[in-house]
Amino acid sequence: MSHTDTQLSNLRLPEELKVKLMEAAKENNRSAIAEIIVRLEETFTREDIIEAKASRDALLVELGTVLQTSITAAEYLNEVQSALQETQKVLDAKLAVPLPSEETKSNP
């Protein structure tokens, strides 16, 4: 332990947990204290990962909403474009028909 480490005295563990800890420490070639430290550090790392995944999931949901809104807007724009094209066809057809001349109007 370095001089900057804090000592935790009288750590009480249930016997079953102590046995598991000692077995894990032996399997990993660590002291009991080193095993405790590694396991504690892993819990904090896992918490960071869980938080990062939660943030990622929230961003994915938001992205999905934005994409759906974009798709809906694009579909609406396509409908408007189709309506404008149909209106243009009607106007073109009406403009293609010659207007009656003034002479035709006065001679029924």
PDB file of N, CA and C in Angstrom:
ATOM      1  N   MET A   1       0.838  -1.177   0.000  1.00  0.00           N
ATOM      2  CA  MET A   1       0.000   0.000   0.000  1.00  0.00           C
ATOM      3  C   MET A   1       0.888   1.247   0.000  1.00  0.00           C
ATOM      4  N   SER A   2       0.553   2.210  -0.833  1.00  0.00           N
ATOM      5  CA  SER A   2       1.371   3.427  -0.861  1.00  0.00           C
ATOM      6  C   SER A   2       0.928   4.355   0.265  1.00  0.00           C
ATOM      7  N   HIS A   3       1.718   5.374   0.513  1.00  0.00           N
ATOM      8  CA  HIS A   3       1.401   6.297   1.600  1.00  0.00           C
ATOM      9  C   HIS A   3       0.158   7.142   1.301  1.00  0.00           C
ATOM     10  N   THR A   4      -0.298   7.178   0.045  1.00  0.00           N
ATOM     11  CA  THR A   4      -1.505   7.939  -0.294  1.00  0.00           C
ATOM     12  C   THR A   4      -2.768   7.088  -0.204  1.00  0.00           C
ATOM     13  N   ASP A   5      -2.614   5.772  -0.054  1.00  0.00           N
ATOM     14  CA  ASP A   5      -3.782   4.905   0.066  1.00  0.00           C
ATOM     15  C   ASP A   5      -4.393   5.064   1.452  1.00  0.00           C
ATOM     16  N   THR A   6      -5.694   4.904   1.511  1.00  0.00           N
ATOM     17  CA  THR A   6      -6.395   4.969   2.780  1.00  0.00           C
ATOM     18  C   THR A   6      -6.597   3.560   3.292  1.00  0.00           C
ATOM     19  N   GLN A   7      -6.353   3.383   4.580  1.00  0.00           N
ATOM     20  CA  GLN A   7      -6.514   2.053   5.151  1.00  0.00           C
ATOM     21  C   GLN A   7      -7.923   1.923   5.706  1.00  0.00           C
ATOM     22  N   LEU A   8      -8.552   0.798   5.381  1.00  0.00           N
ATOM     23  CA  LEU A   8      -9.879   0.494   5.893  1.00  0.00           C
ATOM     24  C   LEU A   8      -9.698  -0.623   6.905  1.00  0.00           C
ATOM     25  N   SER A   9      -9.860  -0.280   8.159  1.00  0.00           N
ATOM     26  CA  SER A   9      -9.607  -1.300   9.181  1.00  0.00           C
ATOM     27  C   SER A   9     -10.894  -2.016   9.561  1.00  0.00           C
ATOM     28  N   ASN A  10     -10.717  -3.233  10.005  1.00  0.00           N
ATOM     29  CA  ASN A  10     -11.817  -4.054  10.509  1.00  0.00           C
ATOM     30  C   ASN A  10     -12.937  -4.246   9.500  1.00  0.00           C
ATOM     31  N   LEU A  11     -12.583  -4.655   8.318  1.00  0.00           N
ATOM     32  CA  LEU A  11     -13.590  -4.970   7.304  1.00  0.00           C
ATOM     33  C   LEU A  11     -14.207  -6.311   7.659  1.00  0.00           C
ATOM     34  N   ARG A  12     -15.501  -6.315   7.888  1.00  0.00           N
ATOM     35  CA  ARG A  12     -16.186  -7.553   8.245  1.00  0.00           C
ATOM     36  C   ARG A  12     -16.890  -8.115   7.025  1.00  0.00           C
ATOM     37  N   LEU A  13     -16.705  -9.400   6.826  1.00  0.00           N
ATOM     38  CA  LEU A  13     -17.333 -10.101   5.706  1.00  0.00           C
ATOM     39  C   LEU A  13     -18.026 -11.344   6.236  1.00  0.00           C
ATOM     40  N   PRO A  14     -19.154 -11.690   5.651  1.00  0.00           N
ATOM     41  CA  PRO A  14     -19.739 -12.989   5.992  1.00  0.00           C
ATOM     42  C   PRO A  14     -18.747 -14.083   5.594  1.00  0.00           C
ATOM     43  N   GLU A  15     -18.715 -15.153   6.346  1.00  0.00           N
ATOM     44  CA  GLU A  15     -17.741 -16.227   6.113  1.00  0.00           C
ATOM     45  C   GLU A  15     -17.822 -16.757   4.686  1.00  0.00           C
ATOM     46  N   GLU A  16     -19.037 -16.927   4.165  1.00  0.00           N
ATOM     47  CA  GLU A  16     -19.220 -17.452   2.801  1.00  0.00           C
ATOM     48  C   GLU A  16     -18.586 -16.526   1.765  1.00  0.00           C
ATOM     49  N   LEU A  17     -18.760 -15.225   1.954  1.00  0.00           N
ATOM     50  CA  LEU A  17     -18.174 -14.253   1.030  1.00  0.00           C
ATOM     51  C   LEU A  17     -16.649 -14.249   1.149  1.00  0.00           C
ATOM     52  N   LYS A  18     -16.158 -14.367   2.379  1.00  0.00           N
ATOM     53  CA  LYS A  18     -14.708 -14.406   2.588  1.00  0.00           C
ATOM     54  C   LYS A  18     -14.100 -15.612   1.875  1.00  0.00           C
ATOM     55  N   VAL A  19     -14.773 -16.749   1.940  1.00  0.00           N
ATOM     56  CA  VAL A  19     -14.274 -17.954   1.269  1.00  0.00           C
ATOM     57  C   VAL A  19     -14.235 -17.732  -0.237  1.00  0.00           C
ATOM     58  N   LYS A  20     -15.306 -17.172  -0.794  1.00  0.00           N
ATOM     59  CA  LYS A  20     -15.342 -16.893  -2.238  1.00  0.00           C
ATOM     60  C   LYS A  20     -14.226 -15.931  -2.629  1.00  0.00           C
ATOM     61  N   LEU A  21     -14.033 -14.905  -1.807  1.00  0.00           N
ATOM     62  CA  LEU A  21     -12.998 -13.912  -2.080  1.00  0.00           C
ATOM     63  C   LEU A  21     -11.614 -14.555  -2.061  1.00  0.00           C
ATOM     64  N   MET A  22     -11.360 -15.365  -1.085  1.00  0.00           N
ATOM     65  CA  MET A  22     -10.051 -16.015  -0.972  1.00  0.00           C
ATOM     66  C   MET A  22      -9.814 -16.969  -2.144  1.00  0.00           C
ATOM     67  N   GLU A  23     -10.854 -17.681  -2.572  1.00  0.00           N
ATOM     68  CA  GLU A  23     -10.722 -18.588  -3.722  1.00  0.00           C
ATOM     69  C   GLU A  23     -10.431 -17.805  -4.999  1.00  0.00           C
ATOM     70  N   ALA A  24     -11.165 -16.697  -5.190  1.00  0.00           N
ATOM     71  CA  ALA A  24     -10.949 -15.870  -6.381  1.00  0.00           C
ATOM     72  C   ALA A  24      -9.549 -15.269  -6.370  1.00  0.00           C
ATOM     73  N   ALA A  25      -9.106 -14.803  -5.211  1.00  0.00           N
ATOM     74  CA  ALA A  25      -7.765 -14.217  -5.101  1.00  0.00           C
ATOM     75  C   ALA A  25      -6.708 -15.258  -5.458  1.00  0.00           C
ATOM     76  N   LYS A  26      -6.889 -16.477  -4.974  1.00  0.00           N
ATOM     77  CA  LYS A  26      -5.929 -17.545  -5.266  1.00  0.00           C
ATOM     78  C   LYS A  26      -5.916 -17.861  -6.759  1.00  0.00           C
ATOM     79  N   GLU A  27      -7.115 -17.958  -7.379  1.00  0.00           N
ATOM     80  CA  GLU A  27      -7.211 -18.255  -8.816  1.00  0.00           C
ATOM     81  C   GLU A  27      -6.551 -17.172  -9.660  1.00  0.00           C
ATOM     82  N   ASN A  28      -6.641 -15.928  -9.198  1.00  0.00           N
ATOM     83  CA  ASN A  28      -6.113 -14.796  -9.963  1.00  0.00           C
ATOM     84  C   ASN A  28      -4.707 -14.384  -9.522  1.00  0.00           C
ATOM     85  N   ASN A  29      -4.108 -15.180  -8.654  1.00  0.00           N
ATOM     86  CA  ASN A  29      -2.765 -14.884  -8.132  1.00  0.00           C
ATOM     87  C   ASN A  29      -2.678 -13.484  -7.530  1.00  0.00           C
ATOM     88  N   ARG A  30      -3.650 -13.164  -6.694  1.00  0.00           N
ATOM     89  CA  ARG A  30      -3.682 -11.862  -6.025  1.00  0.00           C
ATOM     90  C   ARG A  30      -3.840 -12.082  -4.527  1.00  0.00           C
ATOM     91  N   SER A  31      -3.527 -11.014  -3.810  1.00  0.00           N
ATOM     92  CA  SER A  31      -3.848 -11.030  -2.382  1.00  0.00           C
ATOM     93  C   SER A  31      -5.345 -10.764  -2.247  1.00  0.00           C
ATOM     94  N   ALA A  32      -5.875 -11.017  -1.073  1.00  0.00           N
ATOM     95  CA  ALA A  32      -7.297 -10.762  -0.841  1.00  0.00           C
ATOM     96  C   ALA A  32      -7.608  -9.282  -1.050  1.00  0.00           C
ATOM     97  N   ILE A  33      -6.731  -8.421  -0.569  1.00  0.00           N
ATOM     98  CA  ILE A  33      -6.939  -6.973  -0.724  1.00  0.00           C
ATOM     99  C   ILE A  33      -6.890  -6.582  -2.195  1.00  0.00           C
ATOM    100  N   ALA A  34      -5.933  -7.118  -2.942  1.00  0.00           N
ATOM    101  CA  ALA A  34      -5.841  -6.808  -4.374  1.00  0.00           C
ATOM    102  C   ALA A  34      -7.101  -7.283  -5.096  1.00  0.00           C
ATOM    103  N   GLU A  35      -7.613  -8.439  -4.712  1.00  0.00           N
ATOM    104  CA  GLU A  35      -8.846  -8.953  -5.329  1.00  0.00           C
ATOM    105  C   GLU A  35     -10.026  -8.031  -5.031  1.00  0.00           C
ATOM    106  N   ILE A  36     -10.112  -7.573  -3.792  1.00  0.00           N
ATOM    107  CA  ILE A  36     -11.187  -6.638  -3.413  1.00  0.00           C
ATOM    108  C   ILE A  36     -11.082  -5.360  -4.238  1.00  0.00           C
ATOM    109  N   ILE A  37      -9.872  -4.829  -4.370  1.00  0.00           N
ATOM    110  CA  ILE A  37      -9.668  -3.581  -5.117  1.00  0.00           C
ATOM    111  C   ILE A  37     -10.067  -3.755  -6.580  1.00  0.00           C
ATOM    112  N   VAL A  38      -9.616  -4.839  -7.203  1.00  0.00           N
ATOM    113  CA  VAL A  38      -9.953  -5.089  -8.613  1.00  0.00           C
ATOM    114  C   VAL A  38     -11.463  -5.188  -8.786  1.00  0.00           C
ATOM    115  N   ARG A  39     -12.099  -5.931  -7.898  1.00  0.00           N
ATOM    116  CA  ARG A  39     -13.549  -6.108  -8.019  1.00  0.00           C
ATOM    117  C   ARG A  39     -14.308  -4.804  -7.788  1.00  0.00           C
ATOM    118  N   LEU A  40     -13.865  -4.005  -6.852  1.00  0.00           N
ATOM    119  CA  LEU A  40     -14.510  -2.703  -6.632  1.00  0.00           C
ATOM    120  C   LEU A  40     -14.333  -1.793  -7.847  1.00  0.00           C
ATOM    121  N   GLU A  41     -13.109  -1.758  -8.383  1.00  0.00           N
ATOM    122  CA  GLU A  41     -12.864  -0.929  -9.567  1.00  0.00           C
ATOM    123  C   GLU A  41     -13.726  -1.377 -10.740  1.00  0.00           C
ATOM    124  N   GLU A  42     -13.904  -2.685 -10.895  1.00  0.00           N
ATOM    125  CA  GLU A  42     -14.749  -3.201 -11.981  1.00  0.00           C
ATOM    126  C   GLU A  42     -16.193  -2.745 -11.838  1.00  0.00           C
ATOM    127  N   THR A  43     -16.685  -2.651 -10.604  1.00  0.00           N
ATOM    128  CA  THR A  43     -18.081  -2.209 -10.436  1.00  0.00           C
ATOM    129  C   THR A  43     -18.243  -0.774 -10.907  1.00  0.00           C
ATOM    130  N   PHE A  44     -17.243   0.071 -10.636  1.00  0.00           N
ATOM    131  CA  PHE A  44     -17.341   1.453 -11.090  1.00  0.00           C
ATOM    132  C   PHE A  44     -17.219   1.540 -12.602  1.00  0.00           C
ATOM    133  N   THR A  45     -16.356   0.717 -13.174  1.00  0.00           N
ATOM    134  CA  THR A  45     -16.225   0.680 -14.631  1.00  0.00           C
ATOM    135  C   THR A  45     -17.535   0.236 -15.263  1.00  0.00           C
ATOM    136  N   ARG A  46     -18.154  -0.786 -14.681  1.00  0.00           N
ATOM    137  CA  ARG A  46     -19.441  -1.259 -15.205  1.00  0.00           C
ATOM    138  C   ARG A  46     -20.498  -0.163 -15.133  1.00  0.00           C
ATOM    139  N   GLU A  47     -20.494   0.590 -14.028  1.00  0.00           N
ATOM    140  CA  GLU A  47     -21.455   1.689 -13.909  1.00  0.00           C
ATOM    141  C   GLU A  47     -21.251   2.705 -15.028  1.00  0.00           C
ATOM    142  N   ASP A  48     -19.988   3.024 -15.325  1.00  0.00           N
ATOM    143  CA  ASP A  48     -19.690   3.958 -16.416  1.00  0.00           C
ATOM    144  C   ASP A  48     -20.181   3.404 -17.749  1.00  0.00           C
ATOM    145  N   ILE A  49     -19.977   2.107 -17.955  1.00  0.00           N
ATOM    146  CA  ILE A  49     -20.427   1.472 -19.199  1.00  0.00           C
ATOM    147  C   ILE A  49     -21.943   1.501 -19.285  1.00  0.00           C
ATOM    148  N   ILE A  50     -22.608   1.207 -18.183  1.00  0.00           N
ATOM    149  CA  ILE A  50     -24.074   1.221 -18.164  1.00  0.00           C
ATOM    150  C   ILE A  50     -24.584   2.624 -18.476  1.00  0.00           C
ATOM    151  N   GLU A  51     -23.960   3.639 -17.870  1.00  0.00           N
ATOM    152  CA  GLU A  51     -24.360   5.021 -18.145  1.00  0.00           C
ATOM    153  C   GLU A  51     -24.122   5.380 -19.607  1.00  0.00           C
ATOM    154  N   ALA A  52     -22.992   4.966 -20.147  1.00  0.00           N
ATOM    155  CA  ALA A  52     -22.692   5.255 -21.556  1.00  0.00           C
ATOM    156  C   ALA A  52     -23.696   4.566 -22.473  1.00  0.00           C
ATOM    157  N   LYS A  53     -24.043   3.322 -22.157  1.00  0.00           N
ATOM    158  CA  LYS A  53     -25.028   2.608 -22.969  1.00  0.00           C
ATOM    159  C   LYS A  53     -26.396   3.269 -22.870  1.00  0.00           C
ATOM    160  N   ALA A  54     -26.754   3.736 -21.684  1.00  0.00           N
ATOM    161  CA  ALA A  54     -28.035   4.422 -21.521  1.00  0.00           C
ATOM    162  C   ALA A  54     -28.061   5.704 -22.348  1.00  0.00           C
ATOM    163  N   SER A  55     -26.954   6.443 -22.338  1.00  0.00           N
ATOM    164  CA  SER A  55     -26.869   7.662 -23.156  1.00  0.00           C
ATOM    165  C   SER A  55     -26.959   7.325 -24.632  1.00  0.00           C
ATOM    166  N   ARG A  56     -26.242   6.269 -25.039  1.00  0.00           N
ATOM    167  CA  ARG A  56     -26.283   5.840 -26.438  1.00  0.00           C
ATOM    168  C   ARG A  56     -27.695   5.442 -26.838  1.00  0.00           C
ATOM    169  N   ASP A  57     -28.376   4.690 -25.971  1.00  0.00           N
ATOM    170  CA  ASP A  57     -29.733   4.252 -26.280  1.00  0.00           C
ATOM    171  C   ASP A  57     -30.681   5.440 -26.406  1.00  0.00           C
ATOM    172  N   ALA A  58     -30.518   6.427 -25.518  1.00  0.00           N
ATOM    173  CA  ALA A  58     -31.353   7.624 -25.600  1.00  0.00           C
ATOM    174  C   ALA A  58     -31.098   8.369 -26.903  1.00  0.00           C
ATOM    175  N   LEU A  59     -29.839   8.457 -27.308  1.00  0.00           N
ATOM    176  CA  LEU A  59     -29.507   9.113 -28.575  1.00  0.00           C
ATOM    177  C   LEU A  59     -30.072   8.344 -29.765  1.00  0.00           C
ATOM    178  N   LEU A  60     -30.049   7.016 -29.696  1.00  0.00           N
ATOM    179  CA  LEU A  60     -30.616   6.209 -30.780  1.00  0.00           C
ATOM    180  C   LEU A  60     -32.120   6.415 -30.892  1.00  0.00           C
ATOM    181  N   VAL A  61     -32.791   6.518 -29.750  1.00  0.00           N
ATOM    182  CA  VAL A  61     -34.233   6.780 -29.769  1.00  0.00           C
ATOM    183  C   VAL A  61     -34.494   8.142 -30.399  1.00  0.00           C
ATOM    184  N   GLU A  62     -33.719   9.137 -29.998  1.00  0.00           N
ATOM    185  CA  GLU A  62     -33.872  10.484 -30.563  1.00  0.00           C
ATOM    186  C   GLU A  62     -33.597  10.479 -32.060  1.00  0.00           C
ATOM    187  N   LEU A  63     -32.551   9.775 -32.471  1.00  0.00           N
ATOM    188  CA  LEU A  63     -32.232   9.670 -33.892  1.00  0.00           C
ATOM    189  C   LEU A  63     -33.373   9.010 -34.649  1.00  0.00           C
ATOM    190  N   GLY A  64     -33.950   7.972 -34.070  1.00  0.00           N
ATOM    191  CA  GLY A  64     -35.093   7.305 -34.696  1.00  0.00           C
ATOM    192  C   GLY A  64     -36.258   8.258 -34.882  1.00  0.00           C
ATOM    193  N   THR A  65     -36.507   9.083 -33.873  1.00  0.00           N
ATOM    194  CA  THR A  65     -37.587  10.069 -33.961  1.00  0.00           C
ATOM    195  C   THR A  65     -37.301  11.081 -35.062  1.00  0.00           C
ATOM    196  N   VAL A  66     -36.071  11.560 -35.116  1.00  0.00           N
ATOM    197  CA  VAL A  66     -35.689  12.529 -36.152  1.00  0.00           C
ATOM    198  C   VAL A  66     -35.818  11.910 -37.538  1.00  0.00           C
ATOM    199  N   LEU A  67     -35.360  10.676 -37.682  1.00  0.00           N
ATOM    200  CA  LEU A  67     -35.455  10.002 -38.981  1.00  0.00           C
ATOM    201  C   LEU A  67     -36.906   9.795 -39.388  1.00  0.00           C
ATOM    202  N   GLN A  68     -37.743   9.400 -38.434  1.00  0.00           N
ATOM    203  CA  GLN A  68     -39.157   9.195 -38.750  1.00  0.00           C
ATOM    204  C   GLN A  68     -39.805  10.512 -39.164  1.00  0.00           C
ATOM    205  N   THR A  69     -39.454  11.586 -38.463  1.00  0.00           N
ATOM    206  CA  THR A  69     -39.979  12.904 -38.818  1.00  0.00           C
ATOM    207  C   THR A  69     -39.508  13.295 -40.211  1.00  0.00           C
ATOM    208  N   SER A  70     -38.254  13.017 -40.522  1.00  0.00           N
ATOM    209  CA  SER A  70     -37.713  13.335 -41.848  1.00  0.00           C
ATOM    210  C   SER A  70     -38.414  12.535 -42.934  1.00  0.00           C
ATOM    211  N   ILE A  71     -38.659  11.260 -42.657  1.00  0.00           N
ATOM    212  CA  ILE A  71     -39.356  10.412 -43.631  1.00  0.00           C
ATOM    213  C   ILE A  71     -40.767  10.925 -43.853  1.00  0.00           C
ATOM    214  N   THR A  72     -41.443  11.277 -42.767  1.00  0.00           N
ATOM    215  CA  THR A  72     -42.802  11.809 -42.876  1.00  0.00           C
ATOM    216  C   THR A  72     -42.802  13.105 -43.679  1.00  0.00           C
ATOM    217  N   ALA A  73     -41.837  13.981 -43.415  1.00  0.00           N
ATOM    218  CA  ALA A  73     -41.746  15.245 -44.153  1.00  0.00           C
ATOM    219  C   ALA A  73     -41.462  14.986 -45.626  1.00  0.00           C
ATOM    220  N   ALA A  74     -40.590  14.038 -45.914  1.00  0.00           N
ATOM    221  CA  ALA A  74     -40.266  13.715 -47.308  1.00  0.00           C
ATOM    222  C   ALA A  74     -41.487  13.155 -48.032  1.00  0.00           C
ATOM    223  N   GLU A  75     -42.242  12.303 -47.341  1.00  0.00           N
ATOM    224  CA  GLU A  75     -43.464  11.762 -47.947  1.00  0.00           C
ATOM    225  C   GLU A  75     -44.460  12.884 -48.233  1.00  0.00           C
ATOM    226  N   TYR A  76     -44.595  13.812 -47.283  1.00  0.00           N
ATOM    227  CA  TYR A  76     -45.503  14.941 -47.468  1.00  0.00           C
ATOM    228  C   TYR A  76     -45.049  15.796 -48.651  1.00  0.00           C
ATOM    229  N   LEU A  77     -43.749  16.053 -48.741  1.00  0.00           N
ATOM    230  CA  LEU A  77     -43.234  16.840 -49.863  1.00  0.00           C
ATOM    231  C   LEU A  77     -43.476  16.137 -51.194  1.00  0.00           C
ATOM    232  N   ASN A  78     -43.352  14.825 -51.223  1.00  0.00           N
ATOM    233  CA  ASN A  78     -43.645  14.072 -52.446  1.00  0.00           C
ATOM    234  C   ASN A  78     -45.110  14.219 -52.836  1.00  0.00           C
ATOM    235  N   GLU A  79     -46.001  14.179 -51.842  1.00  0.00           N
ATOM    236  CA  GLU A  79     -47.427  14.366 -52.125  1.00  0.00           C
ATOM    237  C   GLU A  79     -47.694  15.762 -52.677  1.00  0.00           C
ATOM    238  N   VAL A  80     -47.068  16.764 -52.079  1.00  0.00           N
ATOM    239  CA  VAL A  80     -47.240  18.141 -52.550  1.00  0.00           C
ATOM    240  C   VAL A  80     -46.699  18.274 -53.967  1.00  0.00           C
ATOM    241  N   GLN A  81     -45.546  17.682 -54.226  1.00  0.00           N
ATOM    242  CA  GLN A  81     -44.961  17.738 -55.566  1.00  0.00           C
ATOM    243  C   GLN A  81     -45.881  17.070 -56.585  1.00  0.00           C
ATOM    244  N   SER A  82     -46.453  15.932 -56.236  1.00  0.00           N
ATOM    245  CA  SER A  82     -47.383  15.249 -57.145  1.00  0.00           C
ATOM    246  C   SER A  82     -48.607  16.109 -57.415  1.00  0.00           C
ATOM    247  N   ALA A  83     -49.134  16.742 -56.367  1.00  0.00           N
ATOM    248  CA  ALA A  83     -50.301  17.607 -56.533  1.00  0.00           C
ATOM    249  C   ALA A  83     -49.968  18.794 -57.432  1.00  0.00           C
ATOM    250  N   LEU A  84     -48.786  19.363 -57.256  1.00  0.00           N
ATOM    251  CA  LEU A  84     -48.371  20.480 -58.108  1.00  0.00           C
ATOM    252  C   LEU A  84     -48.215  20.041 -59.563  1.00  0.00           C
ATOM    253  N   GLN A  85     -47.679  18.852 -59.775  1.00  0.00           N
ATOM    254  CA  GLN A  85     -47.526  18.344 -61.139  1.00  0.00           C
ATOM    255  C   GLN A  85     -48.893  18.128 -61.787  1.00  0.00           C
ATOM    256  N   GLU A  86     -49.837  17.599 -61.045  1.00  0.00           N
ATOM    257  CA  GLU A  86     -51.193  17.405 -61.576  1.00  0.00           C
ATOM    258  C   GLU A  86     -51.845  18.749 -61.888  1.00  0.00           C
ATOM    259  N   THR A  87     -51.642  19.714 -61.010  1.00  0.00           N
ATOM    260  CA  THR A  87     -52.188  21.055 -61.247  1.00  0.00           C
ATOM    261  C   THR A  87     -51.558  21.668 -62.486  1.00  0.00           C
ATOM    262  N   GLN A  88     -50.254  21.471 -62.659  1.00  0.00           N
ATOM    263  CA  GLN A  88     -49.569  21.995 -63.843  1.00  0.00           C
ATOM    264  C   GLN A  88     -50.126  21.364 -65.114  1.00  0.00           C
ATOM    265  N   LYS A  89     -50.405  20.062 -65.081  1.00  0.00           N
ATOM    266  CA  LYS A  89     -50.985  19.381 -66.244  1.00  0.00           C
ATOM    267  C   LYS A  89     -52.350  19.967 -66.591  1.00  0.00           C
ATOM    268  N   VAL A  90     -53.166  20.216 -65.574  1.00  0.00           N
ATOM    269  CA  VAL A  90     -54.493  20.802 -65.818  1.00  0.00           C
ATOM    270  C   VAL A  90     -54.345  22.189 -66.416  1.00  0.00           C
ATOM    271  N   LEU A  91     -53.451  22.997 -65.857  1.00  0.00           N
ATOM    272  CA  LEU A  91     -53.238  24.345 -66.393  1.00  0.00           C
ATOM    273  C   LEU A  91     -52.712  24.298 -67.825  1.00  0.00           C
ATOM    274  N   ASP A  92     -51.774  23.397 -68.098  1.00  0.00           N
ATOM    275  CA  ASP A  92     -51.246  23.260 -69.459  1.00  0.00           C
ATOM    276  C   ASP A  92     -52.351  22.870 -70.433  1.00  0.00           C
ATOM    277  N   ALA A  93     -53.223  21.982 -70.010  1.00  0.00           N
ATOM    278  CA  ALA A  93     -54.326  21.551 -70.876  1.00  0.00           C
ATOM    279  C   ALA A  93     -55.276  22.710 -71.146  1.00  0.00           C
ATOM    280  N   LYS A  94     -55.557  23.506 -70.130  1.00  0.00           N
ATOM    281  CA  LYS A  94     -56.462  24.644 -70.319  1.00  0.00           C
ATOM    282  C   LYS A  94     -55.826  25.705 -71.206  1.00  0.00           C
ATOM    283  N   LEU A  95     -54.524  25.885 -71.080  1.00  0.00           N
ATOM    284  CA  LEU A  95     -53.849  26.872 -71.915  1.00  0.00           C
ATOM    285  C   LEU A  95     -53.737  26.400 -73.361  1.00  0.00           C
ATOM    286  N   ALA A  96     -53.783  25.117 -73.590  1.00  0.00           N
ATOM    287  CA  ALA A  96     -53.687  24.575 -74.944  1.00  0.00           C
ATOM    288  C   ALA A  96     -54.973  24.796 -75.729  1.00  0.00           C
ATOM    289  N   VAL A  97     -56.085  24.953 -75.044  1.00  0.00           N
ATOM    290  CA  VAL A  97     -57.368  25.196 -75.725  1.00  0.00           C
ATOM    291  C   VAL A  97     -57.414  26.665 -76.118  1.00  0.00           C
ATOM    292  N   PRO A  98     -57.656  26.950 -77.413  1.00  0.00           N
ATOM    293  CA  PRO A  98     -57.687  28.359 -77.833  1.00  0.00           C
ATOM    294  C   PRO A  98     -58.905  29.067 -77.235  1.00  0.00           C
ATOM    295  N   LEU A  99     -58.681  30.302 -76.887  1.00  0.00           N
ATOM    296  CA  LEU A  99     -59.781  31.115 -76.371  1.00  0.00           C
ATOM    297  C   LEU A  99     -60.662  31.552 -77.536  1.00  0.00           C
ATOM    298  N   PRO A 100     -61.944  31.632 -77.299  1.00  0.00           N
ATOM    299  CA  PRO A 100     -62.815  32.121 -78.383  1.00  0.00           C
ATOM    300  C   PRO A 100     -62.447  33.565 -78.719  1.00  0.00           C
ATOM    301  N   SER A 101     -62.428  33.867 -80.008  1.00  0.00           N
ATOM    302  CA  SER A 101     -62.084  35.225 -80.425  1.00  0.00           C
ATOM    303  C   SER A 101     -63.289  36.129 -80.209  1.00  0.00           C
ATOM    304  N   GLU A 102     -63.064  37.403 -80.317  1.00  0.00           N
ATOM    305  CA  GLU A 102     -64.132  38.378 -80.134  1.00  0.00           C
ATOM    306  C   GLU A 102     -65.208  38.214 -81.199  1.00  0.00           C
ATOM    307  N   GLU A 103     -64.841  37.863 -82.415  1.00  0.00           N
ATOM    308  CA  GLU A 103     -65.820  37.689 -83.487  1.00  0.00           C
ATOM    309  C   GLU A 103     -66.745  36.528 -83.183  1.00  0.00           C
ATOM    310  N   THR A 104     -66.203  35.455 -82.635  1.00  0.00           N
ATOM    311  CA  THR A 104     -67.024  34.290 -82.328  1.00  0.00           C
ATOM    312  C   THR A 104     -68.007  34.641 -81.234  1.00  0.00           C
ATOM    313  N   LYS A 105     -67.618  35.488 -80.319  1.00  0.00           N
ATOM    314  CA  LYS A 105     -68.500  35.867 -79.223  1.00  0.00           C
ATOM    315  C   LYS A 105     -69.666  36.709 -79.740  1.00  0.00           C
ATOM    316  N   SER A 106     -69.429  37.608 -80.695  1.00  0.00           N
ATOM    317  CA  SER A 106     -70.488  38.492 -81.172  1.00  0.00           C
ATOM    318  C   SER A 106     -71.390  37.814 -82.190  1.00  0.00           C
ATOM    319  N   ASN A 107     -70.991  36.749 -82.848  1.00  0.00           N
ATOM    320  CA  ASN A 107     -71.808  36.015 -83.815  1.00  0.00           C
ATOM    321  C   ASN A 107     -72.213  34.662 -83.241  1.00  0.00           C
ATOM    322  N   PRO A 108     -73.367  34.637 -82.612  1.00  0.00           N
ATOM    323  CA  PRO A 108     -73.784  33.353 -82.046  1.00  0.00           C
ATOM    324  C   PRO A 108     -74.299  32.394 -83.065  1.00  0.00           C
TER     325      PRO A 108
END
